[in-house]
Amino acid sequence: MAAYVYNSDIGTFEIREVRHRLYELWIEEENLGSYDSAESAAADVAAFNTGYVEWDRFENEETNVPAGLDGWRPVCEEKPD
């Protein structure tokens, strides 16, 4: 399953694929919602529209937030031998 990580000043955001065409956005251990694509979740982080007040209040202040998944780090799952 796909996963992407973005390290912000307030914590680590993670987009996790739960099943085909269902992704969840997390910060640390808090689930911020479900999305039909990883790109949509990343767009909400970039738009400061996550529902996570500690992040969303930085709208118009943070300038280095990636606009899409290009700025997120893919996480590769290790598969057992």
PDB file of N, CA and C in Angstrom:
ATOM      1  N   MET A   1       0.835  -1.175   0.000  1.00  0.00           N
ATOM      2  CA  MET A   1       0.000   0.000   0.000  1.00  0.00           C
ATOM      3  C   MET A   1       0.887   1.248   0.000  1.00  0.00           C
ATOM      4  N   ALA A   2       0.443   2.264  -0.670  1.00  0.00           N
ATOM      5  CA  ALA A   2       1.210   3.493  -0.796  1.00  0.00           C
ATOM      6  C   ALA A   2       1.094   4.340   0.468  1.00  0.00           C
ATOM      7  N   ALA A   3       2.157   5.070   0.745  1.00  0.00           N
ATOM      8  CA  ALA A   3       2.169   6.021   1.849  1.00  0.00           C
ATOM      9  C   ALA A   3       3.131   7.141   1.492  1.00  0.00           C
ATOM     10  N   TYR A   4       2.809   8.337   1.967  1.00  0.00           N
ATOM     11  CA  TYR A   4       3.634   9.522   1.716  1.00  0.00           C
ATOM     12  C   TYR A   4       3.748  10.308   3.012  1.00  0.00           C
ATOM     13  N   VAL A   5       4.914  10.949   3.214  1.00  0.00           N
ATOM     14  CA  VAL A   5       5.187  11.683   4.440  1.00  0.00           C
ATOM     15  C   VAL A   5       5.651  13.090   4.105  1.00  0.00           C
ATOM     16  N   TYR A   6       5.150  14.059   4.885  1.00  0.00           N
ATOM     17  CA  TYR A   6       5.613  15.448   4.793  1.00  0.00           C
ATOM     18  C   TYR A   6       5.912  15.924   6.205  1.00  0.00           C
ATOM     19  N   ASN A   7       7.167  16.304   6.446  1.00  0.00           N
ATOM     20  CA  ASN A   7       7.584  16.795   7.752  1.00  0.00           C
ATOM     21  C   ASN A   7       7.398  18.306   7.804  1.00  0.00           C
ATOM     22  N   SER A   8       6.454  18.757   8.627  1.00  0.00           N
ATOM     23  CA  SER A   8       6.197  20.186   8.795  1.00  0.00           C
ATOM     24  C   SER A   8       6.805  20.651  10.115  1.00  0.00           C
ATOM     25  N   ASP A   9       6.729  21.930  10.352  1.00  0.00           N
ATOM     26  CA  ASP A   9       7.256  22.479  11.603  1.00  0.00           C
ATOM     27  C   ASP A   9       6.446  22.045  12.820  1.00  0.00           C
ATOM     28  N   ILE A  10       5.199  21.638  12.626  1.00  0.00           N
ATOM     29  CA  ILE A  10       4.365  21.265  13.771  1.00  0.00           C
ATOM     30  C   ILE A  10       4.192  19.762  13.937  1.00  0.00           C
ATOM     31  N   GLY A  11       4.692  18.981  12.995  1.00  0.00           N
ATOM     32  CA  GLY A  11       4.567  17.534  13.086  1.00  0.00           C
ATOM     33  C   GLY A  11       4.664  16.886  11.719  1.00  0.00           C
ATOM     34  N   THR A  12       4.534  15.586  11.709  1.00  0.00           N
ATOM     35  CA  THR A  12       4.657  14.818  10.475  1.00  0.00           C
ATOM     36  C   THR A  12       3.287  14.426   9.953  1.00  0.00           C
ATOM     37  N   PHE A  13       2.990  14.892   8.730  1.00  0.00           N
ATOM     38  CA  PHE A  13       1.777  14.471   8.044  1.00  0.00           C
ATOM     39  C   PHE A  13       2.078  13.177   7.303  1.00  0.00           C
ATOM     40  N   GLU A  14       1.083  12.303   7.253  1.00  0.00           N
ATOM     41  CA  GLU A  14       1.231  11.065   6.500  1.00  0.00           C
ATOM     42  C   GLU A  14      -0.060  10.792   5.744  1.00  0.00           C
ATOM     43  N   ILE A  15       0.079  10.405   4.491  1.00  0.00           N
ATOM     44  CA  ILE A  15      -1.044   9.961   3.681  1.00  0.00           C
ATOM     45  C   ILE A  15      -0.893   8.451   3.531  1.00  0.00           C
ATOM     46  N   ARG A  16      -1.883   7.716   3.991  1.00  0.00           N
ATOM     47  CA  ARG A  16      -1.828   6.257   3.962  1.00  0.00           C
ATOM     48  C   ARG A  16      -2.925   5.710   3.050  1.00  0.00           C
ATOM     49  N   GLU A  17      -2.548   4.805   2.185  1.00  0.00           N
ATOM     50  CA  GLU A  17      -3.548   4.106   1.382  1.00  0.00           C
ATOM     51  C   GLU A  17      -4.165   3.011   2.248  1.00  0.00           C
ATOM     52  N   VAL A  18      -5.462   3.085   2.432  1.00  0.00           N
ATOM     53  CA  VAL A  18      -6.173   2.120   3.271  1.00  0.00           C
ATOM     54  C   VAL A  18      -6.623   0.931   2.439  1.00  0.00           C
ATOM     55  N   ARG A  19      -7.143   1.239   1.261  1.00  0.00           N
ATOM     56  CA  ARG A  19      -7.499   0.224   0.266  1.00  0.00           C
ATOM     57  C   ARG A  19      -7.546   0.939  -1.076  1.00  0.00           C
ATOM     58  N   HIS A  20      -7.830   0.217  -2.128  1.00  0.00           N
ATOM     59  CA  HIS A  20      -7.837   0.811  -3.462  1.00  0.00           C
ATOM     60  C   HIS A  20      -8.742   2.042  -3.494  1.00  0.00           C
ATOM     61  N   ARG A  21      -8.179   3.174  -3.890  1.00  0.00           N
ATOM     62  CA  ARG A  21      -8.879   4.459  -4.026  1.00  0.00           C
ATOM     63  C   ARG A  21      -9.453   4.997  -2.724  1.00  0.00           C
ATOM     64  N   LEU A  22      -8.810   4.649  -1.591  1.00  0.00           N
ATOM     65  CA  LEU A  22      -9.172   5.225  -0.302  1.00  0.00           C
ATOM     66  C   LEU A  22      -7.899   5.517   0.478  1.00  0.00           C
ATOM     67  N   TYR A  23      -7.710   6.779   0.784  1.00  0.00           N
ATOM     68  CA  TYR A  23      -6.524   7.249   1.490  1.00  0.00           C
ATOM     69  C   TYR A  23      -6.949   7.988   2.740  1.00  0.00           C
ATOM     70  N   GLU A  24      -6.102   7.968   3.761  1.00  0.00           N
ATOM     71  CA  GLU A  24      -6.344   8.721   4.976  1.00  0.00           C
ATOM     72  C   GLU A  24      -5.191   9.683   5.203  1.00  0.00           C
ATOM     73  N   LEU A  25      -5.523  10.859   5.718  1.00  0.00           N
ATOM     74  CA  LEU A  25      -4.529  11.859   6.073  1.00  0.00           C
ATOM     75  C   LEU A  25      -4.368  11.854   7.582  1.00  0.00           C
ATOM     76  N   TRP A  26      -3.125  11.733   8.029  1.00  0.00           N
ATOM     77  CA  TRP A  26      -2.810  11.685   9.459  1.00  0.00           C
ATOM     78  C   TRP A  26      -1.788  12.765   9.782  1.00  0.00           C
ATOM     79  N   ILE A  27      -1.829  13.259  11.018  1.00  0.00           N
ATOM     80  CA  ILE A  27      -0.706  13.990  11.580  1.00  0.00           C
ATOM     81  C   ILE A  27      -0.405  13.318  12.907  1.00  0.00           C
ATOM     82  N   GLU A  28       0.830  12.873  13.018  1.00  0.00           N
ATOM     83  CA  GLU A  28       1.227  12.054  14.167  1.00  0.00           C
ATOM     84  C   GLU A  28       0.228  10.903  14.293  1.00  0.00           C
ATOM     85  N   GLU A  29      -0.536  10.818  15.390  1.00  0.00           N
ATOM     86  CA  GLU A  29      -1.479   9.711  15.583  1.00  0.00           C
ATOM     87  C   GLU A  29      -2.933  10.151  15.440  1.00  0.00           C
ATOM     88  N   GLU A  30      -3.178  11.302  14.788  1.00  0.00           N
ATOM     89  CA  GLU A  30      -4.541  11.810  14.616  1.00  0.00           C
ATOM     90  C   GLU A  30      -4.984  11.707  13.156  1.00  0.00           C
ATOM     91  N   ASN A  31      -6.088  10.995  12.932  1.00  0.00           N
ATOM     92  CA  ASN A  31      -6.655  10.840  11.593  1.00  0.00           C
ATOM     93  C   ASN A  31      -7.443  12.100  11.251  1.00  0.00           C
ATOM     94  N   LEU A  32      -7.076  12.756  10.148  1.00  0.00           N
ATOM     95  CA  LEU A  32      -7.716  14.002   9.745  1.00  0.00           C
ATOM     96  C   LEU A  32      -8.786  13.816   8.679  1.00  0.00           C
ATOM     97  N   GLY A  33      -8.941  12.619   8.141  1.00  0.00           N
ATOM     98  CA  GLY A  33      -9.994  12.397   7.160  1.00  0.00           C
ATOM     99  C   GLY A  33      -9.616  11.423   6.075  1.00  0.00           C
ATOM    100  N   SER A  34     -10.619  11.092   5.258  1.00  0.00           N
ATOM    101  CA  SER A  34     -10.451  10.140   4.153  1.00  0.00           C
ATOM    102  C   SER A  34     -10.571  10.860   2.822  1.00  0.00           C
ATOM    103  N   TYR A  35      -9.875  10.344   1.816  1.00  0.00           N
ATOM    104  CA  TYR A  35      -9.809  10.955   0.489  1.00  0.00           C
ATOM    105  C   TYR A  35      -9.844   9.875  -0.571  1.00  0.00           C
ATOM    106  N   ASP A  36     -10.277  10.257  -1.778  1.00  0.00           N
ATOM    107  CA  ASP A  36     -10.286   9.294  -2.878  1.00  0.00           C
ATOM    108  C   ASP A  36      -8.952   9.251  -3.612  1.00  0.00           C
ATOM    109  N   SER A  37      -8.030  10.159  -3.259  1.00  0.00           N
ATOM    110  CA  SER A  37      -6.686  10.110  -3.854  1.00  0.00           C
ATOM    111  C   SER A  37      -5.675  10.735  -2.900  1.00  0.00           C
ATOM    112  N   ALA A  38      -4.443  10.306  -3.021  1.00  0.00           N
ATOM    113  CA  ALA A  38      -3.368  10.894  -2.225  1.00  0.00           C
ATOM    114  C   ALA A  38      -3.164  12.355  -2.611  1.00  0.00           C
ATOM    115  N   GLU A  39      -3.373  12.673  -3.877  1.00  0.00           N
ATOM    116  CA  GLU A  39      -3.207  14.047  -4.356  1.00  0.00           C
ATOM    117  C   GLU A  39      -4.193  14.993  -3.682  1.00  0.00           C
ATOM    118  N   SER A  40      -5.422  14.542  -3.469  1.00  0.00           N
ATOM    119  CA  SER A  40      -6.440  15.363  -2.797  1.00  0.00           C
ATOM    120  C   SER A  40      -6.050  15.646  -1.351  1.00  0.00           C
ATOM    121  N   ALA A  41      -5.511  14.654  -0.682  1.00  0.00           N
ATOM    122  CA  ALA A  41      -5.070  14.846   0.705  1.00  0.00           C
ATOM    123  C   ALA A  41      -3.920  15.848   0.760  1.00  0.00           C
ATOM    124  N   ALA A  42      -2.955  15.712  -0.144  1.00  0.00           N
ATOM    125  CA  ALA A  42      -1.822  16.651  -0.184  1.00  0.00           C
ATOM    126  C   ALA A  42      -2.305  18.064  -0.503  1.00  0.00           C
ATOM    127  N   ALA A  43      -3.301  18.178  -1.364  1.00  0.00           N
ATOM    128  CA  ALA A  43      -3.847  19.493  -1.717  1.00  0.00           C
ATOM    129  C   ALA A  43      -4.490  20.159  -0.507  1.00  0.00           C
ATOM    130  N   ASP A  44      -5.173  19.392   0.346  1.00  0.00           N
ATOM    131  CA  ASP A  44      -5.761  19.976   1.550  1.00  0.00           C
ATOM    132  C   ASP A  44      -4.693  20.468   2.518  1.00  0.00           C
ATOM    133  N   VAL A  45      -3.589  19.746   2.609  1.00  0.00           N
ATOM    134  CA  VAL A  45      -2.479  20.213   3.457  1.00  0.00           C
ATOM    135  C   VAL A  45      -1.941  21.526   2.893  1.00  0.00           C
ATOM    136  N   ALA A  46      -1.730  21.591   1.591  1.00  0.00           N
ATOM    137  CA  ALA A  46      -1.199  22.796   0.949  1.00  0.00           C
ATOM    138  C   ALA A  46      -2.159  23.977   1.074  1.00  0.00           C
ATOM    139  N   ALA A  47      -3.465  23.700   1.120  1.00  0.00           N
ATOM    140  CA  ALA A  47      -4.482  24.753   1.213  1.00  0.00           C
ATOM    141  C   ALA A  47      -4.829  25.089   2.667  1.00  0.00           C
ATOM    142  N   PHE A  48      -4.170  24.413   3.624  1.00  0.00           N
ATOM    143  CA  PHE A  48      -4.450  24.617   5.045  1.00  0.00           C
ATOM    144  C   PHE A  48      -5.934  24.372   5.321  1.00  0.00           C
ATOM    145  N   ASN A  49      -6.422  23.271   4.757  1.00  0.00           N
ATOM    146  CA  ASN A  49      -7.825  22.892   4.865  1.00  0.00           C
ATOM    147  C   ASN A  49      -7.923  21.461   5.392  1.00  0.00           C
ATOM    148  N   THR A  50      -7.230  21.185   6.493  1.00  0.00           N
ATOM    149  CA  THR A  50      -7.154  19.828   7.015  1.00  0.00           C
ATOM    150  C   THR A  50      -8.128  19.551   8.159  1.00  0.00           C
ATOM    151  N   GLY A  51      -8.641  20.602   8.782  1.00  0.00           N
ATOM    152  CA  GLY A  51      -9.435  20.432   9.991  1.00  0.00           C
ATOM    153  C   GLY A  51      -8.579  20.355  11.234  1.00  0.00           C
ATOM    154  N   TYR A  52      -7.267  20.406  11.070  1.00  0.00           N
ATOM    155  CA  TYR A  52      -6.334  20.392  12.193  1.00  0.00           C
ATOM    156  C   TYR A  52      -5.946  21.844  12.478  1.00  0.00           C
ATOM    157  N   VAL A  53      -6.562  22.427  13.502  1.00  0.00           N
ATOM    158  CA  VAL A  53      -6.458  23.863  13.770  1.00  0.00           C
ATOM    159  C   VAL A  53      -5.008  24.322  13.886  1.00  0.00           C
ATOM    160  N   GLU A  54      -4.175  23.522  14.535  1.00  0.00           N
ATOM    161  CA  GLU A  54      -2.775  23.911  14.727  1.00  0.00           C
ATOM    162  C   GLU A  54      -2.056  24.126  13.395  1.00  0.00           C
ATOM    163  N   TRP A  55      -2.495  23.428  12.336  1.00  0.00           N
ATOM    164  CA  TRP A  55      -1.910  23.592  11.013  1.00  0.00           C
ATOM    165  C   TRP A  55      -2.646  24.656  10.204  1.00  0.00           C
ATOM    166  N   ASP A  56      -3.949  24.553  10.182  1.00  0.00           N
ATOM    167  CA  ASP A  56      -4.758  25.420   9.331  1.00  0.00           C
ATOM    168  C   ASP A  56      -4.596  26.905   9.663  1.00  0.00           C
ATOM    169  N   ARG A  57      -4.254  27.229  10.893  1.00  0.00           N
ATOM    170  CA  ARG A  57      -4.092  28.636  11.267  1.00  0.00           C
ATOM    171  C   ARG A  57      -2.857  29.281  10.647  1.00  0.00           C
ATOM    172  N   PHE A  58      -1.972  28.471  10.071  1.00  0.00           N
ATOM    173  CA  PHE A  58      -0.767  29.006   9.426  1.00  0.00           C
ATOM    174  C   PHE A  58      -0.995  29.451   7.985  1.00  0.00           C
ATOM    175  N   GLU A  59      -2.247  29.385   7.503  1.00  0.00           N
ATOM    176  CA  GLU A  59      -2.537  29.831   6.143  1.00  0.00           C
ATOM    177  C   GLU A  59      -2.030  31.257   5.959  1.00  0.00           C
ATOM    178  N   ASN A  60      -1.397  31.509   4.845  1.00  0.00           N
ATOM    179  CA  ASN A  60      -0.800  32.810   4.489  1.00  0.00           C
ATOM    180  C   ASN A  60       0.483  33.118   5.270  1.00  0.00           C
ATOM    181  N   GLU A  61       0.931  32.196   6.117  1.00  0.00           N
ATOM    182  CA  GLU A  61       2.185  32.388   6.845  1.00  0.00           C
ATOM    183  C   GLU A  61       3.276  31.426   6.370  1.00  0.00           C
ATOM    184  N   GLU A  62       2.910  30.165   6.165  1.00  0.00           N
ATOM    185  CA  GLU A  62       3.863  29.161   5.691  1.00  0.00           C
ATOM    186  C   GLU A  62       4.040  29.313   4.185  1.00  0.00           C
ATOM    187  N   THR A  63       5.286  29.287   3.735  1.00  0.00           N
ATOM    188  CA  THR A  63       5.534  29.492   2.309  1.00  0.00           C
ATOM    189  C   THR A  63       6.169  28.297   1.618  1.00  0.00           C
ATOM    190  N   ASN A  64       6.680  27.345   2.356  1.00  0.00           N
ATOM    191  CA  ASN A  64       7.392  26.222   1.742  1.00  0.00           C
ATOM    192  C   ASN A  64       6.588  24.926   1.719  1.00  0.00           C
ATOM    193  N   VAL A  65       5.284  25.027   1.756  1.00  0.00           N
ATOM    194  CA  VAL A  65       4.437  23.838   1.758  1.00  0.00           C
ATOM    195  C   VAL A  65       4.310  23.324   0.328  1.00  0.00           C
ATOM    196  N   PRO A  66       4.583  22.034   0.103  1.00  0.00           N
ATOM    197  CA  PRO A  66       4.473  21.511  -1.266  1.00  0.00           C
ATOM    198  C   PRO A  66       3.037  21.557  -1.770  1.00  0.00           C
ATOM    199  N   ALA A  67       2.868  21.970  -3.006  1.00  0.00           N
ATOM    200  CA  ALA A  67       1.537  22.096  -3.609  1.00  0.00           C
ATOM    201  C   ALA A  67       0.941  20.740  -3.980  1.00  0.00           C
ATOM    202  N   GLY A  68       1.768  19.738  -4.132  1.00  0.00           N
ATOM    203  CA  GLY A  68       1.301  18.404  -4.505  1.00  0.00           C
ATOM    204  C   GLY A  68       2.181  17.343  -3.900  1.00  0.00           C
ATOM    205  N   LEU A  69       2.026  16.125  -4.348  1.00  0.00           N
ATOM    206  CA  LEU A  69       2.801  14.997  -3.812  1.00  0.00           C
ATOM    207  C   LEU A  69       4.287  15.082  -4.139  1.00  0.00           C
ATOM    208  N   ASP A  70       4.659  15.955  -5.080  1.00  0.00           N
ATOM    209  CA  ASP A  70       6.076  16.074  -5.446  1.00  0.00           C
ATOM    210  C   ASP A  70       6.960  16.400  -4.246  1.00  0.00           C
ATOM    211  N   GLY A  71       6.417  17.134  -3.284  1.00  0.00           N
ATOM    212  CA  GLY A  71       7.195  17.519  -2.103  1.00  0.00           C
ATOM    213  C   GLY A  71       7.061  16.567  -0.941  1.00  0.00           C
ATOM    214  N   TRP A  72       6.313  15.512  -1.112  1.00  0.00           N
ATOM    215  CA  TRP A  72       6.135  14.491  -0.080  1.00  0.00           C
ATOM    216  C   TRP A  72       7.109  13.343  -0.341  1.00  0.00           C
ATOM    217  N   ARG A  73       7.556  12.695   0.718  1.00  0.00           N
ATOM    218  CA  ARG A  73       8.478  11.564   0.582  1.00  0.00           C
ATOM    219  C   ARG A  73       7.680  10.267   0.558  1.00  0.00           C
ATOM    220  N   PRO A  74       7.824   9.465  -0.512  1.00  0.00           N
ATOM    221  CA  PRO A  74       7.148   8.163  -0.529  1.00  0.00           C
ATOM    222  C   PRO A  74       7.778   7.230   0.502  1.00  0.00           C
ATOM    223  N   VAL A  75       6.943   6.445   1.127  1.00  0.00           N
ATOM    224  CA  VAL A  75       7.404   5.479   2.123  1.00  0.00           C
ATOM    225  C   VAL A  75       7.258   4.102   1.504  1.00  0.00           C
ATOM    226  N   CYS A  76       8.341   3.376   1.459  1.00  0.00           N
ATOM    227  CA  CYS A  76       8.321   2.020   0.896  1.00  0.00           C
ATOM    228  C   CYS A  76       8.152   1.013   2.019  1.00  0.00           C
ATOM    229  N   GLU A  77       7.160   0.158   1.858  1.00  0.00           N
ATOM    230  CA  GLU A  77       6.965  -0.905   2.832  1.00  0.00           C
ATOM    231  C   GLU A  77       7.966  -2.011   2.599  1.00  0.00           C
ATOM    232  N   GLU A  78       8.492  -2.541   3.696  1.00  0.00           N
ATOM    233  CA  GLU A  78       9.384  -3.678   3.586  1.00  0.00           C
ATOM    234  C   GLU A  78       8.532  -4.941   3.513  1.00  0.00           C
ATOM    235  N   LYS A  79       8.839  -5.782   2.539  1.00  0.00           N
ATOM    236  CA  LYS A  79       8.110  -7.040   2.379  1.00  0.00           C
ATOM    237  C   LYS A  79       8.940  -8.170   2.964  1.00  0.00           C
ATOM    238  N   PRO A  80       8.305  -9.048   3.721  1.00  0.00           N
ATOM    239  CA  PRO A  80       9.046 -10.189   4.270  1.00  0.00           C
ATOM    240  C   PRO A  80       9.530 -11.106   3.163  1.00  0.00           C
ATOM    241  N   ASP A  81      10.656 -11.740   3.414  1.00  0.00           N
ATOM    242  CA  ASP A  81      11.229 -12.674   2.416  1.00  0.00           C
ATOM    243  C   ASP A  81      10.431 -13.928   2.303  1.00  0.00           C
TER     244      ASP A  81
END
